[in-house]
């Protein structure tokens, strides 16, 4: 196990926060075209997730997995618009939605990162 500063330094999640903002815009557009109130709890959860990622809270990955799985179940028509990087970022059960080729590509990029 590494104990140097790099392993304990906060990770930069700005790109994934931008992806979450894009997802929020997508949900907002979908909500404006729907009578459903099902979007409100999802948007509230997304806002909470953004705060958790920004603060790098210990449970942000679980919150992200839960949110994206709920989105998949409740609004499958929106699923195709979800940035695949978010599936990799939050991991867990979400990895099952990535193809083997996508998994290999994400792993290769992560392995090549300094």
C-alpha atoms as a PDB file:
ATOM      1  CA  UNK A   1       0.000   0.000   0.000  1.00  0.00           C
ATOM      2  CA  UNK A   2       1.281   3.459  -0.925  1.00  0.00           C
ATOM      3  CA  UNK A   3       1.661   5.979   1.837  1.00  0.00           C
ATOM      4  CA  UNK A   4       3.061   8.915  -0.117  1.00  0.00           C
ATOM      5  CA  UNK A   5       1.272  12.242  -0.567  1.00  0.00           C
ATOM      6  CA  UNK A   6      -0.207  11.296  -3.948  1.00  0.00           C
ATOM      7  CA  UNK A   7      -2.235   8.485  -2.430  1.00  0.00           C
ATOM      8  CA  UNK A   8      -3.756  10.753   0.221  1.00  0.00           C
ATOM      9  CA  UNK A   9      -4.198  13.880  -1.890  1.00  0.00           C
ATOM     10  CA  UNK A  10      -7.754  14.790  -2.869  1.00  0.00           C
ATOM     11  CA  UNK A  11      -8.683  13.602  -6.339  1.00  0.00           C
ATOM     12  CA  UNK A  12      -9.794  16.100  -8.951  1.00  0.00           C
ATOM     13  CA  UNK A  13     -13.371  15.237  -9.856  1.00  0.00           C
ATOM     14  CA  UNK A  14     -14.096  18.378 -11.867  1.00  0.00           C
ATOM     15  CA  UNK A  15     -14.663  16.479 -15.123  1.00  0.00           C
ATOM     16  CA  UNK A  16     -17.134  14.118 -13.479  1.00  0.00           C
ATOM     17  CA  UNK A  17     -18.865  17.018 -11.744  1.00  0.00           C
ATOM     18  CA  UNK A  18     -19.319  18.556 -15.198  1.00  0.00           C
ATOM     19  CA  UNK A  19     -20.803  15.274 -16.418  1.00  0.00           C
ATOM     20  CA  UNK A  20     -23.215  15.333 -13.472  1.00  0.00           C
ATOM     21  CA  UNK A  21     -24.209  18.906 -14.364  1.00  0.00           C
ATOM     22  CA  UNK A  22     -24.938  17.726 -17.905  1.00  0.00           C
ATOM     23  CA  UNK A  23     -27.058  14.905 -16.493  1.00  0.00           C
ATOM     24  CA  UNK A  24     -28.957  17.432 -14.384  1.00  0.00           C
ATOM     25  CA  UNK A  25     -29.652  19.488 -17.511  1.00  0.00           C
ATOM     26  CA  UNK A  26     -30.909  16.351 -19.260  1.00  0.00           C
ATOM     27  CA  UNK A  27     -33.236  15.591 -16.353  1.00  0.00           C
ATOM     28  CA  UNK A  28     -34.436  19.182 -16.335  1.00  0.00           C
ATOM     29  CA  UNK A  29     -35.297  19.016 -20.031  1.00  0.00           C
ATOM     30  CA  UNK A  30     -37.086  15.699 -19.582  1.00  0.00           C
ATOM     31  CA  UNK A  31     -38.986  17.033 -16.553  1.00  0.00           C
ATOM     32  CA  UNK A  32     -40.155  20.082 -18.526  1.00  0.00           C
ATOM     33  CA  UNK A  33     -41.636  17.767 -21.171  1.00  0.00           C
ATOM     34  CA  UNK A  34     -43.391  15.493 -18.707  1.00  0.00           C
ATOM     35  CA  UNK A  35     -46.236  15.690 -16.242  1.00  0.00           C
ATOM     36  CA  UNK A  36     -44.482  13.144 -14.008  1.00  0.00           C
ATOM     37  CA  UNK A  37     -43.413  14.146 -10.515  1.00  0.00           C
ATOM     38  CA  UNK A  38     -40.986  11.214 -10.490  1.00  0.00           C
ATOM     39  CA  UNK A  39     -38.223  13.557 -11.624  1.00  0.00           C
ATOM     40  CA  UNK A  40     -38.241  15.657  -8.455  1.00  0.00           C
ATOM     41  CA  UNK A  41     -36.723  13.061  -6.081  1.00  0.00           C
ATOM     42  CA  UNK A  42     -34.190  12.105  -8.743  1.00  0.00           C
ATOM     43  CA  UNK A  43     -33.106  15.720  -9.246  1.00  0.00           C
ATOM     44  CA  UNK A  44     -32.850  16.182  -5.471  1.00  0.00           C
ATOM     45  CA  UNK A  45     -30.692  13.055  -5.242  1.00  0.00           C
ATOM     46  CA  UNK A  46     -28.522  14.322  -8.085  1.00  0.00           C
ATOM     47  CA  UNK A  47     -27.975  17.628  -6.293  1.00  0.00           C
ATOM     48  CA  UNK A  48     -27.018  15.736  -3.132  1.00  0.00           C
ATOM     49  CA  UNK A  49     -24.665  13.547  -5.178  1.00  0.00           C
ATOM     50  CA  UNK A  50     -22.951  16.590  -6.666  1.00  0.00           C
ATOM     51  CA  UNK A  51     -22.344  17.929  -3.153  1.00  0.00           C
ATOM     52  CA  UNK A  52     -20.971  14.562  -2.014  1.00  0.00           C
ATOM     53  CA  UNK A  53     -18.591  14.278  -4.974  1.00  0.00           C
ATOM     54  CA  UNK A  54     -17.434  17.870  -4.538  1.00  0.00           C
ATOM     55  CA  UNK A  55     -16.722  17.241  -0.847  1.00  0.00           C
ATOM     56  CA  UNK A  56     -15.297  13.789  -1.641  1.00  0.00           C
ATOM     57  CA  UNK A  57     -17.499  12.228   1.000  1.00  0.00           C
ATOM     58  CA  UNK A  58     -16.811   8.574   1.696  1.00  0.00           C
ATOM     59  CA  UNK A  59     -20.152   7.391   0.313  1.00  0.00           C
ATOM     60  CA  UNK A  60     -20.286   9.334  -2.966  1.00  0.00           C
ATOM     61  CA  UNK A  61     -19.725   6.191  -5.051  1.00  0.00           C
ATOM     62  CA  UNK A  62     -22.675   4.420  -3.419  1.00  0.00           C
ATOM     63  CA  UNK A  63     -24.860   7.506  -3.869  1.00  0.00           C
ATOM     64  CA  UNK A  64     -23.870   7.658  -7.538  1.00  0.00           C
ATOM     65  CA  UNK A  65     -24.578   3.977  -8.117  1.00  0.00           C
ATOM     66  CA  UNK A  66     -27.977   4.291  -6.470  1.00  0.00           C
ATOM     67  CA  UNK A  67     -28.924   7.383  -8.469  1.00  0.00           C
ATOM     68  CA  UNK A  68     -27.913   5.949 -11.840  1.00  0.00           C
ATOM     69  CA  UNK A  69     -29.590   2.611 -11.173  1.00  0.00           C
ATOM     70  CA  UNK A  70     -32.812   4.433 -10.234  1.00  0.00           C
ATOM     71  CA  UNK A  71     -32.537   6.484 -13.411  1.00  0.00           C
ATOM     72  CA  UNK A  72     -32.124   3.305 -15.444  1.00  0.00           C
ATOM     73  CA  UNK A  73     -35.166   1.677 -13.826  1.00  0.00           C
ATOM     74  CA  UNK A  74     -37.499   4.706 -13.861  1.00  0.00           C
ATOM     75  CA  UNK A  75     -36.488   6.394 -17.109  1.00  0.00           C
ATOM     76  CA  UNK A  76     -34.944   3.859 -19.492  1.00  0.00           C
ATOM     77  CA  UNK A  77     -35.471   6.240 -22.414  1.00  0.00           C
ATOM     78  CA  UNK A  78     -32.929   8.624 -20.839  1.00  0.00           C
ATOM     79  CA  UNK A  79     -30.354   5.906 -20.176  1.00  0.00           C
ATOM     80  CA  UNK A  80     -28.709   6.206 -23.592  1.00  0.00           C
ATOM     81  CA  UNK A  81     -27.876   9.853 -22.866  1.00  0.00           C
ATOM     82  CA  UNK A  82     -25.979   9.043 -19.655  1.00  0.00           C
ATOM     83  CA  UNK A  83     -22.258   9.618 -20.132  1.00  0.00           C
ATOM     84  CA  UNK A  84     -20.541   6.210 -20.008  1.00  0.00           C
ATOM     85  CA  UNK A  85     -17.700   7.738 -17.999  1.00  0.00           C
ATOM     86  CA  UNK A  86     -20.091   8.117 -15.074  1.00  0.00           C
ATOM     87  CA  UNK A  87     -20.715   4.366 -15.091  1.00  0.00           C
ATOM     88  CA  UNK A  88     -16.976   3.751 -14.806  1.00  0.00           C
ATOM     89  CA  UNK A  89     -16.518   6.534 -12.236  1.00  0.00           C
ATOM     90  CA  UNK A  90     -19.148   5.191  -9.834  1.00  0.00           C
ATOM     91  CA  UNK A  91     -18.465   1.527 -10.641  1.00  0.00           C
ATOM     92  CA  UNK A  92     -20.178  -1.287  -8.778  1.00  0.00           C
ATOM     93  CA  UNK A  93     -23.251  -2.698 -10.518  1.00  0.00           C
ATOM     94  CA  UNK A  94     -22.986   0.032 -13.143  1.00  0.00           C
ATOM     95  CA  UNK A  95     -20.019  -1.755 -14.696  1.00  0.00           C
ATOM     96  CA  UNK A  96     -22.433  -4.424 -15.952  1.00  0.00           C
ATOM     97  CA  UNK A  97     -23.828  -1.845 -18.382  1.00  0.00           C
ATOM     98  CA  UNK A  98     -20.428  -1.362 -20.049  1.00  0.00           C
ATOM     99  CA  UNK A  99     -19.289  -3.612 -22.864  1.00  0.00           C
ATOM    100  CA  UNK A 100     -16.064  -5.605 -22.552  1.00  0.00           C
ATOM    101  CA  UNK A 101     -14.452  -3.197 -25.021  1.00  0.00           C
ATOM    102  CA  UNK A 102     -15.478  -0.193 -22.943  1.00  0.00           C
ATOM    103  CA  UNK A 103     -14.193  -1.816 -19.762  1.00  0.00           C
ATOM    104  CA  UNK A 104     -10.865  -2.585 -21.421  1.00  0.00           C
ATOM    105  CA  UNK A 105     -10.565   0.981 -22.717  1.00  0.00           C
ATOM    106  CA  UNK A 106     -11.360   2.538 -19.336  1.00  0.00           C
ATOM    107  CA  UNK A 107      -8.946   0.194 -17.559  1.00  0.00           C
ATOM    108  CA  UNK A 108      -6.180   0.959 -20.067  1.00  0.00           C
ATOM    109  CA  UNK A 109      -6.670   4.716 -19.554  1.00  0.00           C
ATOM    110  CA  UNK A 110      -6.599   4.303 -15.791  1.00  0.00           C
ATOM    111  CA  UNK A 111      -3.459   2.157 -15.948  1.00  0.00           C
ATOM    112  CA  UNK A 112      -1.728   4.744 -18.158  1.00  0.00           C
ATOM    113  CA  UNK A 113      -2.590   7.666 -15.852  1.00  0.00           C
ATOM    114  CA  UNK A 114       0.271   8.964 -13.703  1.00  0.00           C
END
